[in-house]
């Protein structure tokens, strides 16, 4: 029943939901069929006998589906002291919703196999497929649970009458709400029917949506922005395109000749001025040298004076 997809059982029958006494009615919420549509936070499995809680297993339901939440890795707490540390390498170890599918043992938490009389474990939901062992009668739904704080033999549990009436699975949500469905304006997931008029669904966080939108816009801007230096326009501005046309070559040669004439004319003027300046400097230097030589030899005219 639990494994059946898309099916609910007695969802509008309040008597099927009671835990105080056994009604013989099965109850299955639509939450199981849409486990991922709402934000499951934690899951608690509880075993009841005569309306009393006898054992429990408490799990972290974050990011799980209707199958893999039931695992030793996700176990947060339980009524058993040796369950969390049990070795998965032992022959006969099982901890899964599917359990031991060959004989339809669901929600099967076993420690070891040693033959039917020596099979140890904590929990077993048997569909009685073929009655492989005496503790799982054929064609009978049987829920066995360890009554102590440790694993026990399933055969002893069966013989001593430790057979539960009810196995309940309870969930808590992170950001979902369960209430009468009046409007879908604030729904961010498909409403999941919990009872006749009660639905569970994930609420929209409007402020979060705005924030996420702004973040997405900024991210897109960053991804789509291109630096000016990386554009083809900028790269073309640094290079000249080749042009083999005759008119282009002619214009280029005329331009180059014009530039050469202007530069040559300026250089010629500067060269003339430099030469004239150098000529004057050389003339002065020559006259000073001649005077100096005369003074050394002695000038007769200078003596008369």
Protein backbone atom coordinates (compact mmCIF):
# COMPACT_ATOMS: atom_id res chain seq x y z
CA UNK A 1 0.00 0.00 0.00
CA UNK A 2 2.76 2.44 0.93
CA UNK A 3 4.61 1.68 -2.28
CA UNK A 4 1.56 2.16 -4.52
CA UNK A 5 2.05 5.36 -6.52
CA UNK A 6 -0.69 7.95 -6.77
CA UNK A 7 -3.07 6.11 -4.45
CA UNK A 8 -4.48 7.24 -1.11
CA UNK A 9 -6.43 5.22 1.45
CA UNK A 10 -9.33 6.47 3.58
CA UNK A 11 -8.12 10.03 3.27
CA UNK A 12 -11.53 11.41 4.33
CA UNK A 13 -12.18 8.84 7.03
CA UNK A 14 -11.33 10.23 10.47
CA UNK A 15 -11.66 6.80 12.07
CA UNK A 16 -8.80 5.51 9.92
CA UNK A 17 -6.57 8.26 11.32
CA UNK A 18 -7.02 7.34 14.97
CA UNK A 19 -4.13 5.87 16.94
CA UNK A 20 -5.95 5.07 20.19
CA UNK A 21 -7.34 1.78 18.98
CA UNK A 22 -7.20 -0.41 15.93
CA UNK A 23 -10.02 0.05 13.44
CA UNK A 24 -8.69 -2.33 10.84
CA UNK A 25 -8.64 0.54 8.34
CA UNK A 26 -5.54 1.63 6.52
CA UNK A 27 -4.76 5.30 6.07
CA UNK A 28 -2.40 6.73 3.48
CA UNK A 29 -1.98 10.47 2.95
CA UNK A 30 -1.34 12.03 -0.43
CA UNK A 31 1.84 13.47 1.08
CA UNK A 32 3.54 10.14 0.42
CA UNK A 33 2.68 10.36 -3.27
CA UNK A 34 4.06 13.91 -3.52
CA UNK A 35 6.89 13.73 -1.01
CA UNK A 36 9.14 16.05 -3.01
CA UNK A 37 6.44 18.63 -3.71
CA UNK A 38 6.63 19.97 -0.18
CA UNK A 39 9.61 20.76 2.04
CA UNK A 40 9.90 17.75 4.35
CA UNK A 41 12.00 18.60 7.39
CA UNK A 42 11.83 15.62 9.72
CA UNK A 43 10.12 12.24 9.75
CA UNK A 44 9.11 10.12 12.71
CA UNK A 45 8.02 6.50 12.53
CA UNK A 46 6.09 5.30 15.58
CA UNK A 47 4.89 1.82 16.50
CA UNK A 48 1.68 1.52 18.55
CA UNK A 49 0.18 -1.42 20.40
CA UNK A 50 -3.12 -1.11 22.26
CA UNK A 51 -3.06 2.62 21.57
CA UNK A 52 0.32 3.10 23.31
CA UNK A 53 3.59 4.18 21.69
CA UNK A 54 6.05 1.31 21.98
CA UNK A 55 9.01 2.39 19.87
CA UNK A 56 10.04 5.14 17.48
CA UNK A 57 12.61 6.07 14.84
CA UNK A 58 13.31 9.74 14.13
CA UNK A 59 14.85 10.79 10.79
CA UNK A 60 16.13 13.85 8.95
CA UNK A 61 13.84 14.24 5.95
CA UNK A 62 15.70 17.04 4.18
CA UNK A 63 16.14 16.35 0.47
CA UNK A 64 14.66 12.87 0.65
CA UNK A 65 11.96 11.01 -1.23
CA UNK A 66 9.34 8.60 0.04
CA UNK A 67 11.85 5.74 0.00
CA UNK A 68 15.32 6.91 0.98
CA UNK A 69 14.33 8.88 4.11
CA UNK A 70 14.22 5.54 5.91
CA UNK A 71 17.93 4.83 6.37
CA UNK A 72 20.56 4.43 9.04
CA UNK A 73 22.43 7.46 7.71
CA UNK A 74 19.39 9.70 8.15
CA UNK A 75 18.52 8.39 11.61
CA UNK A 76 18.62 11.15 14.21
CA UNK A 77 17.30 9.31 17.22
CA UNK A 78 15.39 6.18 18.19
CA UNK A 79 14.22 4.15 21.15
CA UNK A 80 17.05 1.68 20.49
CA UNK A 81 20.57 2.23 21.80
CA UNK A 82 22.35 -0.09 19.35
CA UNK A 83 20.59 0.80 16.10
CA UNK A 84 22.63 3.81 14.99
CA UNK A 85 25.93 1.96 15.40
CA UNK A 86 24.85 -1.38 13.87
CA UNK A 87 27.23 -2.65 11.20
CA UNK A 88 25.81 -2.84 7.66
CA UNK A 89 28.47 -5.43 6.74
CA UNK A 90 26.84 -8.22 8.76
CA UNK A 91 24.97 -10.90 6.83
CA UNK A 92 21.26 -10.18 7.03
CA UNK A 93 21.55 -6.46 7.81
CA UNK A 94 18.68 -4.48 6.33
CA UNK A 95 17.50 -0.93 6.84
CA UNK A 96 15.08 0.07 4.10
CA UNK A 97 11.46 0.66 3.23
CA UNK A 98 11.66 -2.00 0.53
CA UNK A 99 13.39 -4.27 3.03
CA UNK A 100 13.66 -7.89 2.02
CA UNK A 101 11.47 -7.78 -1.07
CA UNK A 102 11.68 -11.50 -1.82
CA UNK A 103 9.30 -12.23 1.05
CA UNK A 104 7.69 -8.77 1.21
CA UNK A 105 9.28 -7.56 4.42
CA UNK A 106 8.73 -3.80 4.39
CA UNK A 107 10.15 -1.22 6.78
CA UNK A 108 12.59 -3.96 7.60
CA UNK A 109 15.31 -3.15 10.13
CA UNK A 110 17.28 -6.32 10.84
CA UNK A 111 20.63 -6.85 12.48
CA UNK A 112 21.56 -10.31 11.20
CA UNK A 113 20.32 -13.58 9.73
CA UNK A 114 21.02 -16.91 11.40
CA UNK A 115 18.10 -19.00 10.23
CA UNK A 116 14.53 -18.11 11.15
CA UNK A 117 14.99 -18.88 14.84
CA UNK A 118 18.16 -16.77 15.00
CA UNK A 119 17.12 -13.73 12.97
CA UNK A 120 17.76 -10.57 15.00
CA UNK A 121 16.33 -7.15 14.38
CA UNK A 122 14.33 -4.14 15.54
CA UNK A 123 11.36 -3.77 13.19
CA UNK A 124 9.51 -5.79 10.58
CA UNK A 125 6.32 -5.25 8.59
CA UNK A 126 5.50 -8.52 6.90
CA UNK A 127 2.93 -8.98 4.18
CA UNK A 128 3.02 -12.75 4.62
CA UNK A 129 3.90 -13.43 1.01
CA UNK A 130 4.99 -17.02 1.47
CA UNK A 131 5.41 -17.38 5.22
CA UNK A 132 9.14 -18.06 4.97
CA UNK A 133 9.51 -18.09 8.77
CA UNK A 134 7.09 -18.87 11.56
CA UNK A 135 7.11 -15.25 12.70
CA UNK A 136 5.56 -14.07 9.39
CA UNK A 137 2.34 -16.06 8.87
CA UNK A 138 1.16 -16.40 5.29
CA UNK A 139 -1.43 -13.92 4.02
CA UNK A 140 -1.29 -11.96 7.29
CA UNK A 141 -0.09 -8.42 7.89
CA UNK A 142 2.29 -8.58 10.85
CA UNK A 143 4.17 -5.73 12.51
CA UNK A 144 6.90 -6.91 14.87
CA UNK A 145 9.01 -4.57 16.99
CA UNK A 146 11.73 -4.99 19.57
CA UNK A 147 10.39 -4.18 23.01
CA UNK A 148 13.73 -3.48 24.62
CA UNK A 149 16.49 -1.03 23.84
CA UNK A 150 18.35 -3.45 21.57
CA UNK A 151 17.72 -5.85 18.71
CA UNK A 152 15.85 -9.04 19.58
CA UNK A 153 14.97 -12.31 17.86
CA UNK A 154 11.95 -11.89 15.60
CA UNK A 155 10.69 -15.34 16.52
CA UNK A 156 10.68 -14.48 20.23
CA UNK A 157 8.87 -11.22 19.50
CA UNK A 158 6.20 -13.09 17.60
CA UNK A 159 5.80 -15.82 20.22
CA UNK A 160 5.55 -13.27 23.05
CA UNK A 161 2.89 -11.27 21.27
CA UNK A 162 4.91 -8.14 20.50
CA UNK A 163 2.85 -7.41 17.42
CA UNK A 164 1.92 -3.80 16.86
CA UNK A 165 -1.56 -2.67 15.88
CA UNK A 166 -0.48 0.48 14.06
CA UNK A 167 2.60 1.88 12.38
CA UNK A 168 2.41 5.65 11.95
CA UNK A 169 4.60 7.95 9.90
CA UNK A 170 4.57 11.65 10.81
CA UNK A 171 6.29 14.52 9.00
CA UNK A 172 7.09 18.13 9.74
CA UNK A 173 7.62 20.78 7.08
CA UNK A 174 10.15 23.55 6.65
CA UNK A 175 8.16 26.18 4.82
CA UNK A 176 4.90 24.47 3.98
CA UNK A 177 1.48 24.95 5.46
CA UNK A 178 -1.48 22.63 5.90
CA UNK A 179 -4.80 24.43 5.91
CA UNK A 180 -8.03 24.85 3.92
CA UNK A 181 -7.14 25.79 0.37
CA UNK A 182 -8.74 29.20 -0.30
CA UNK A 183 -6.42 30.65 -2.93
CA UNK A 184 -3.54 29.46 -5.03
CA UNK A 185 -2.02 32.94 -5.29
CA UNK A 186 0.62 32.14 -2.67
CA UNK A 187 1.23 28.52 -3.64
CA UNK A 188 4.63 27.56 -4.95
CA UNK A 189 3.88 23.85 -5.25
CA UNK A 190 1.04 21.54 -6.14
CA UNK A 191 -1.42 21.36 -3.22
CA UNK A 192 -1.31 17.90 -1.66
CA UNK A 193 -4.52 16.67 -0.08
CA UNK A 194 -4.09 15.71 3.55
CA UNK A 195 -7.74 15.31 4.49
CA UNK A 196 -11.18 16.16 3.13
CA UNK A 197 -10.58 19.93 3.05
CA UNK A 198 -6.99 20.20 4.30
CA UNK A 199 -4.10 20.55 1.88
CA UNK A 200 -0.35 20.88 2.30
CA UNK A 201 1.68 23.03 -0.04
CA UNK A 202 4.82 25.11 -0.16
CA UNK A 203 4.18 28.82 0.38
CA UNK A 204 5.74 31.45 -1.86
CA UNK A 205 8.30 33.66 -0.18
CA UNK A 206 7.68 36.91 -2.03
CA UNK A 207 10.60 38.82 -0.54
CA UNK A 208 12.87 35.92 -1.30
CA UNK A 209 11.56 35.84 -4.87
CA UNK A 210 12.36 39.54 -5.34
CA UNK A 211 15.83 39.02 -3.91
CA UNK A 212 16.42 36.06 -6.15
CA UNK A 213 15.23 38.05 -9.17
CA UNK A 214 17.64 40.88 -8.42
CA UNK A 215 20.46 38.40 -7.96
CA UNK A 216 19.62 36.79 -11.29
CA UNK A 217 19.56 40.20 -13.02
CA UNK A 218 22.95 41.14 -11.58
CA UNK A 219 24.34 37.76 -12.57
CA UNK A 220 23.04 38.13 -16.13
CA UNK A 221 24.48 41.65 -16.38
CA UNK A 222 27.86 40.36 -15.28
CA UNK A 223 27.75 37.45 -17.71
CA UNK A 224 26.56 39.54 -20.67
CA UNK A 225 28.77 42.61 -20.10
CA UNK A 226 31.78 42.92 -22.43
CA UNK A 227 34.80 45.10 -21.76
CA UNK A 228 35.31 47.87 -24.32
CA UNK A 229 38.85 46.65 -24.96
CA UNK A 230 37.48 43.21 -25.88
CA UNK A 231 35.21 44.51 -28.62
CA UNK A 232 36.03 44.11 -32.31
CA UNK A 233 35.46 47.84 -32.78
CA UNK A 234 38.25 48.65 -30.36
CA UNK A 235 40.59 46.14 -31.96
CA UNK A 236 39.88 47.54 -35.44
CA UNK A 237 40.71 51.03 -34.19
CA UNK A 238 44.25 49.83 -33.50
CA UNK A 239 44.87 48.29 -36.91
CA UNK A 240 44.61 49.34 -40.57
CA UNK A 241 42.77 47.26 -43.10
CA UNK A 242 44.67 46.33 -46.25
CA UNK A 243 43.37 47.97 -49.45
CA UNK A 244 44.91 46.84 -52.76
CA UNK A 245 42.96 49.20 -55.04
CA UNK A 246 45.08 51.35 -57.44
CA UNK A 247 43.37 54.57 -56.36
CA UNK A 248 44.09 53.75 -52.71
CA UNK A 249 47.73 53.07 -53.49
CA UNK A 250 48.00 56.34 -55.45
CA UNK A 251 46.42 58.36 -52.68
CA UNK A 252 48.74 56.66 -50.21
CA UNK A 253 51.83 57.48 -52.25
CA UNK A 254 50.76 61.11 -52.77
CA UNK A 255 50.08 61.44 -49.08
CA UNK A 256 53.42 59.90 -48.15
CA UNK A 257 55.22 62.17 -50.67
CA UNK A 258 53.43 65.24 -49.27
CA UNK A 259 54.44 64.30 -45.74
CA UNK A 260 58.01 63.66 -46.88
CA UNK A 261 58.20 67.08 -48.63
CA UNK A 262 56.88 68.92 -45.58
CA UNK A 263 59.22 67.11 -43.25
CA UNK A 264 62.11 67.57 -45.70
CA UNK A 265 61.40 71.32 -46.03
CA UNK A 266 61.36 71.77 -42.25
CA UNK A 267 64.54 69.74 -41.87
CA UNK A 268 66.23 71.78 -44.68
CA UNK A 269 65.38 75.09 -42.99
CA UNK A 270 66.68 73.83 -39.68
CA UNK A 271 69.85 72.52 -41.35
CA UNK A 272 70.52 75.93 -43.01
CA UNK A 273 70.12 77.74 -39.69
CA UNK A 274 72.38 75.25 -37.94
CA UNK A 275 75.04 75.66 -40.65
CA UNK A 276 74.91 79.45 -40.43
CA UNK A 277 75.24 79.35 -36.68
CA UNK A 278 78.12 76.94 -36.87
CA UNK A 279 79.83 79.19 -39.48
CA UNK A 280 79.64 82.21 -37.19
CA UNK A 281 80.99 80.24 -34.28
CA UNK A 282 83.94 79.02 -36.40
CA UNK A 283 84.72 82.58 -37.61
CA UNK A 284 84.84 83.95 -34.08
CA UNK A 285 86.99 81.07 -32.97
CA UNK A 286 89.45 81.70 -35.85
CA UNK A 287 89.79 85.42 -35.05
CA UNK A 288 90.39 84.71 -31.36
CA UNK A 289 93.09 82.23 -32.31
CA UNK A 290 94.85 84.71 -34.61
CA UNK A 291 94.93 87.39 -31.91
CA UNK A 292 96.36 85.00 -29.45
CA UNK A 293 99.17 84.06 -31.80
CA UNK A 294 100.02 87.69 -32.44
CA UNK A 295 100.38 88.47 -28.75
CA UNK A 296 102.77 85.61 -28.35
CA UNK A 297 105.05 86.86 -31.14
CA UNK A 298 104.86 90.48 -30.03
CA UNK A 299 103.35 93.20 -32.23
CA UNK A 300 105.70 96.17 -33.18
CA UNK A 301 102.83 98.52 -33.42
CA UNK A 302 101.89 97.69 -29.88
CA UNK A 303 105.46 98.70 -28.73
CA UNK A 304 105.21 102.20 -30.28
CA UNK A 305 102.10 102.93 -28.56
